[in-house]
Amino acid sequence: MLMWLHFASSIFGGSASIFEFELYFGLLIFVGYMVVDTQEIIEKAHLGDMDYEKHSLTLFTDFVAVFIRMLIIMLKNAADKEEKKKKKKKKKRRN
């Protein structure tokens, strides 16, 4: 789904708002994966599957995907703030 969204955004101009939507939507999807995987781990443990190494790796990969998305969002927000500061300083210098 994210691949098609990225493909469509590149065809229709690749605007920044579509990129932001893609980031936040991807974050929502991976948080959903964490919830689903946690529920599956609980069900498997209830049925006797106590392979904690496999379960921890599953959650770790989900956590890494969420962390990367959050890092990209935070870096983009920091870049936007820096750009606003530069514009503000430039505007003050003109006056």
N, C-alpha and C. Protein backbone atom coordinates (compact mmCIF):
# COMPACT_ATOMS: atom_id res chain seq x y z
N MET A 1 0.82 -1.18 0.00
CA MET A 1 0.00 0.00 0.00
C MET A 1 0.88 1.26 0.00
N LEU A 2 1.92 1.24 0.83
CA LEU A 2 2.82 2.39 0.87
C LEU A 2 3.57 2.55 -0.45
N MET A 3 3.90 1.44 -1.08
CA MET A 3 4.59 1.51 -2.36
C MET A 3 3.71 2.19 -3.40
N TRP A 4 2.44 1.83 -3.45
CA TRP A 4 1.53 2.44 -4.41
C TRP A 4 1.31 3.92 -4.10
N LEU A 5 1.25 4.26 -2.83
CA LEU A 5 1.10 5.66 -2.44
C LEU A 5 2.32 6.46 -2.87
N HIS A 6 3.51 5.91 -2.68
CA HIS A 6 4.73 6.58 -3.10
C HIS A 6 4.77 6.71 -4.63
N PHE A 7 4.37 5.68 -5.33
CA PHE A 7 4.35 5.70 -6.79
C PHE A 7 3.38 6.77 -7.29
N ALA A 8 2.21 6.85 -6.68
CA ALA A 8 1.21 7.85 -7.08
C ALA A 8 1.70 9.26 -6.79
N SER A 9 2.38 9.45 -5.67
CA SER A 9 2.87 10.79 -5.34
C SER A 9 3.95 11.23 -6.32
N SER A 10 4.76 10.29 -6.80
CA SER A 10 5.80 10.66 -7.77
C SER A 10 5.18 11.00 -9.13
N ILE A 11 4.09 10.36 -9.47
CA ILE A 11 3.43 10.64 -10.75
C ILE A 11 2.72 12.00 -10.69
N PHE A 12 2.04 12.28 -9.60
CA PHE A 12 1.24 13.49 -9.50
C PHE A 12 2.00 14.66 -8.87
N GLY A 13 3.28 14.74 -9.08
CA GLY A 13 4.04 15.89 -8.65
C GLY A 13 4.84 15.71 -7.40
N GLY A 14 4.59 14.70 -6.61
CA GLY A 14 5.38 14.44 -5.41
C GLY A 14 5.34 15.58 -4.41
N SER A 15 4.16 16.07 -4.10
CA SER A 15 4.07 17.20 -3.19
C SER A 15 4.47 16.80 -1.78
N ALA A 16 4.82 17.81 -1.00
CA ALA A 16 5.29 17.57 0.37
C ALA A 16 4.17 17.04 1.26
N SER A 17 2.94 17.45 0.98
CA SER A 17 1.84 16.98 1.83
C SER A 17 1.59 15.48 1.66
N ILE A 18 1.78 14.98 0.46
CA ILE A 18 1.62 13.54 0.24
C ILE A 18 2.75 12.79 0.94
N PHE A 19 3.96 13.37 0.91
CA PHE A 19 5.09 12.74 1.60
C PHE A 19 4.83 12.68 3.10
N GLU A 20 4.30 13.76 3.68
CA GLU A 20 3.99 13.76 5.12
C GLU A 20 2.90 12.74 5.43
N PHE A 21 1.87 12.69 4.58
CA PHE A 21 0.81 11.71 4.79
C PHE A 21 1.37 10.30 4.75
N GLU A 22 2.29 10.06 3.81
CA GLU A 22 2.90 8.74 3.68
C GLU A 22 3.69 8.38 4.94
N LEU A 23 4.41 9.35 5.50
CA LEU A 23 5.17 9.09 6.73
C LEU A 23 4.26 8.75 7.90
N TYR A 24 3.26 9.58 8.12
CA TYR A 24 2.37 9.35 9.25
C TYR A 24 1.52 8.10 9.06
N PHE A 25 1.10 7.82 7.83
CA PHE A 25 0.33 6.61 7.56
C PHE A 25 1.19 5.38 7.77
N GLY A 26 2.45 5.44 7.34
CA GLY A 26 3.38 4.33 7.56
C GLY A 26 3.62 4.09 9.04
N LEU A 27 3.74 5.18 9.81
CA LEU A 27 3.91 5.06 11.25
C LEU A 27 2.70 4.38 11.87
N LEU A 28 1.52 4.78 11.43
CA LEU A 28 0.30 4.16 11.94
C LEU A 28 0.24 2.67 11.60
N ILE A 29 0.64 2.32 10.41
CA ILE A 29 0.63 0.90 10.00
C ILE A 29 1.60 0.09 10.86
N PHE A 30 2.80 0.60 11.08
CA PHE A 30 3.78 -0.17 11.85
C PHE A 30 3.42 -0.25 13.33
N VAL A 31 2.77 0.77 13.86
CA VAL A 31 2.28 0.66 15.24
C VAL A 31 1.18 -0.40 15.31
N GLY A 32 0.36 -0.46 14.27
CA GLY A 32 -0.65 -1.52 14.20
C GLY A 32 -0.01 -2.90 14.15
N TYR A 33 1.10 -3.02 13.39
CA TYR A 33 1.83 -4.29 13.35
C TYR A 33 2.32 -4.68 14.75
N MET A 34 2.79 -3.70 15.50
CA MET A 34 3.27 -4.00 16.85
C MET A 34 2.15 -4.53 17.73
N VAL A 35 0.98 -3.93 17.60
CA VAL A 35 -0.17 -4.37 18.40
C VAL A 35 -0.57 -5.79 18.00
N VAL A 36 -0.65 -6.04 16.71
CA VAL A 36 -1.06 -7.37 16.23
C VAL A 36 -0.02 -8.42 16.62
N ASP A 37 1.26 -8.11 16.44
CA ASP A 37 2.30 -9.07 16.80
C ASP A 37 2.32 -9.34 18.30
N THR A 38 2.08 -8.32 19.10
CA THR A 38 2.03 -8.52 20.55
C THR A 38 0.88 -9.46 20.92
N GLN A 39 -0.26 -9.25 20.28
CA GLN A 39 -1.41 -10.13 20.54
C GLN A 39 -1.11 -11.57 20.12
N GLU A 40 -0.45 -11.73 18.98
CA GLU A 40 -0.09 -13.08 18.53
C GLU A 40 0.90 -13.74 19.50
N ILE A 41 1.85 -12.98 20.01
CA ILE A 41 2.82 -13.53 20.96
C ILE A 41 2.11 -13.99 22.23
N ILE A 42 1.17 -13.19 22.69
CA ILE A 42 0.43 -13.56 23.90
C ILE A 42 -0.37 -14.84 23.66
N GLU A 43 -1.02 -14.93 22.50
CA GLU A 43 -1.80 -16.14 22.18
C GLU A 43 -0.90 -17.37 22.06
N LYS A 44 0.26 -17.21 21.41
CA LYS A 44 1.19 -18.34 21.27
C LYS A 44 1.72 -18.78 22.64
N ALA A 45 2.02 -17.83 23.50
CA ALA A 45 2.50 -18.17 24.85
C ALA A 45 1.42 -18.89 25.64
N HIS A 46 0.18 -18.47 25.45
CA HIS A 46 -0.93 -19.12 26.14
C HIS A 46 -1.08 -20.58 25.67
N LEU A 47 -0.76 -20.82 24.39
CA LEU A 47 -0.86 -22.17 23.84
C LEU A 47 0.39 -23.00 24.09
N GLY A 48 1.43 -22.39 24.70
CA GLY A 48 2.60 -23.17 25.08
C GLY A 48 3.86 -22.87 24.29
N ASP A 49 3.81 -22.01 23.30
CA ASP A 49 5.00 -21.65 22.53
C ASP A 49 5.77 -20.59 23.30
N MET A 50 6.84 -21.02 23.99
CA MET A 50 7.62 -20.11 24.84
C MET A 50 8.96 -19.75 24.20
N ASP A 51 9.01 -19.63 22.89
CA ASP A 51 10.24 -19.26 22.19
C ASP A 51 10.40 -17.74 22.28
N TYR A 52 10.94 -17.29 23.42
CA TYR A 52 11.03 -15.86 23.68
C TYR A 52 12.02 -15.15 22.78
N GLU A 53 13.00 -15.88 22.25
CA GLU A 53 13.97 -15.26 21.34
C GLU A 53 13.30 -14.84 20.03
N LYS A 54 12.50 -15.74 19.47
CA LYS A 54 11.79 -15.43 18.23
C LYS A 54 10.79 -14.31 18.45
N HIS A 55 10.10 -14.34 19.58
CA HIS A 55 9.10 -13.32 19.87
C HIS A 55 9.76 -11.95 20.07
N SER A 56 10.89 -11.93 20.75
CA SER A 56 11.57 -10.66 20.97
C SER A 56 12.12 -10.09 19.67
N LEU A 57 12.60 -10.95 18.77
CA LEU A 57 13.08 -10.47 17.47
C LEU A 57 11.94 -9.91 16.63
N THR A 58 10.78 -10.52 16.72
CA THR A 58 9.61 -10.01 16.00
C THR A 58 9.28 -8.60 16.48
N LEU A 59 9.22 -8.42 17.78
CA LEU A 59 8.91 -7.09 18.31
C LEU A 59 10.04 -6.10 18.04
N PHE A 60 11.27 -6.57 18.04
CA PHE A 60 12.41 -5.69 17.77
C PHE A 60 12.35 -5.14 16.36
N THR A 61 12.03 -5.99 15.38
CA THR A 61 11.93 -5.51 14.00
C THR A 61 10.80 -4.50 13.85
N ASP A 62 9.69 -4.73 14.55
CA ASP A 62 8.60 -3.76 14.53
C ASP A 62 9.03 -2.45 15.17
N PHE A 63 9.77 -2.55 16.27
CA PHE A 63 10.23 -1.35 16.96
C PHE A 63 11.20 -0.55 16.08
N VAL A 64 12.07 -1.22 15.37
CA VAL A 64 13.02 -0.54 14.49
C VAL A 64 12.27 0.20 13.38
N ALA A 65 11.26 -0.41 12.80
CA ALA A 65 10.48 0.24 11.75
C ALA A 65 9.79 1.50 12.29
N VAL A 66 9.22 1.41 13.48
CA VAL A 66 8.57 2.58 14.09
C VAL A 66 9.60 3.65 14.42
N PHE A 67 10.74 3.25 14.94
CA PHE A 67 11.79 4.20 15.32
C PHE A 67 12.29 4.96 14.10
N ILE A 68 12.49 4.26 12.99
CA ILE A 68 12.97 4.92 11.78
C ILE A 68 11.95 5.94 11.28
N ARG A 69 10.68 5.56 11.27
CA ARG A 69 9.64 6.50 10.84
C ARG A 69 9.61 7.73 11.75
N MET A 70 9.69 7.51 13.06
CA MET A 70 9.66 8.64 14.00
C MET A 70 10.89 9.52 13.82
N LEU A 71 12.04 8.92 13.56
CA LEU A 71 13.26 9.68 13.35
C LEU A 71 13.16 10.56 12.10
N ILE A 72 12.61 10.02 11.03
CA ILE A 72 12.42 10.80 9.80
C ILE A 72 11.48 11.97 10.05
N ILE A 73 10.39 11.72 10.78
CA ILE A 73 9.43 12.79 11.08
C ILE A 73 10.08 13.88 11.92
N MET A 74 10.85 13.48 12.93
CA MET A 74 11.50 14.47 13.79
C MET A 74 12.55 15.27 13.02
N LEU A 75 13.32 14.63 12.14
CA LEU A 75 14.31 15.34 11.34
C LEU A 75 13.65 16.32 10.37
N LYS A 76 12.53 15.90 9.79
CA LYS A 76 11.81 16.78 8.88
C LYS A 76 11.26 17.99 9.62
N ASN A 77 10.72 17.78 10.81
CA ASN A 77 10.21 18.90 11.61
C ASN A 77 11.33 19.84 12.02
N ALA A 78 12.48 19.31 12.38
CA ALA A 78 13.62 20.15 12.75
C ALA A 78 14.10 20.97 11.55
N ALA A 79 14.12 20.36 10.37
CA ALA A 79 14.53 21.08 9.17
C ALA A 79 13.54 22.20 8.85
N ASP A 80 12.25 21.93 9.02
CA ASP A 80 11.23 22.95 8.79
C ASP A 80 11.38 24.12 9.75
N LYS A 81 11.66 23.82 11.02
CA LYS A 81 11.87 24.90 12.01
C LYS A 81 13.09 25.73 11.65
N GLU A 82 14.16 25.07 11.23
CA GLU A 82 15.38 25.79 10.86
C GLU A 82 15.13 26.68 9.65
N GLU A 83 14.36 26.18 8.71
CA GLU A 83 14.03 26.97 7.52
C GLU A 83 13.20 28.19 7.88
N LYS A 84 12.26 28.03 8.82
CA LYS A 84 11.45 29.16 9.27
C LYS A 84 12.31 30.21 9.97
N LYS A 85 13.28 29.76 10.77
CA LYS A 85 14.18 30.70 11.44
C LYS A 85 14.99 31.48 10.43
N LYS A 86 15.49 30.80 9.39
CA LYS A 86 16.29 31.48 8.37
C LYS A 86 15.45 32.52 7.63
N LYS A 87 14.20 32.17 7.32
CA LYS A 87 13.32 33.11 6.64
C LYS A 87 13.04 34.32 7.52
N LYS A 88 12.85 34.07 8.81
CA LYS A 88 12.57 35.15 9.74
C LYS A 88 13.77 36.10 9.85
N LYS A 89 14.98 35.55 9.94
CA LYS A 89 16.19 36.37 10.01
C LYS A 89 16.39 37.15 8.72
N LYS A 90 16.12 36.51 7.60
CA LYS A 90 16.27 37.16 6.31
C LYS A 90 15.29 38.32 6.18
N LYS A 91 14.09 38.12 6.67
CA LYS A 91 13.06 39.16 6.63
C LYS A 91 13.44 40.34 7.51
N LYS A 92 14.02 40.06 8.69
CA LYS A 92 14.46 41.13 9.59
C LYS A 92 15.59 41.93 8.95
N ARG A 93 16.49 41.29 8.26
CA ARG A 93 17.61 41.99 7.63
C ARG A 93 17.13 42.91 6.52
N ARG A 94 16.07 42.54 5.85
CA ARG A 94 15.53 43.39 4.77
C ARG A 94 14.93 44.67 5.34
N ASN A 95 14.34 44.56 6.52
CA ASN A 95 13.69 45.73 7.12
C ASN A 95 14.69 46.56 7.80
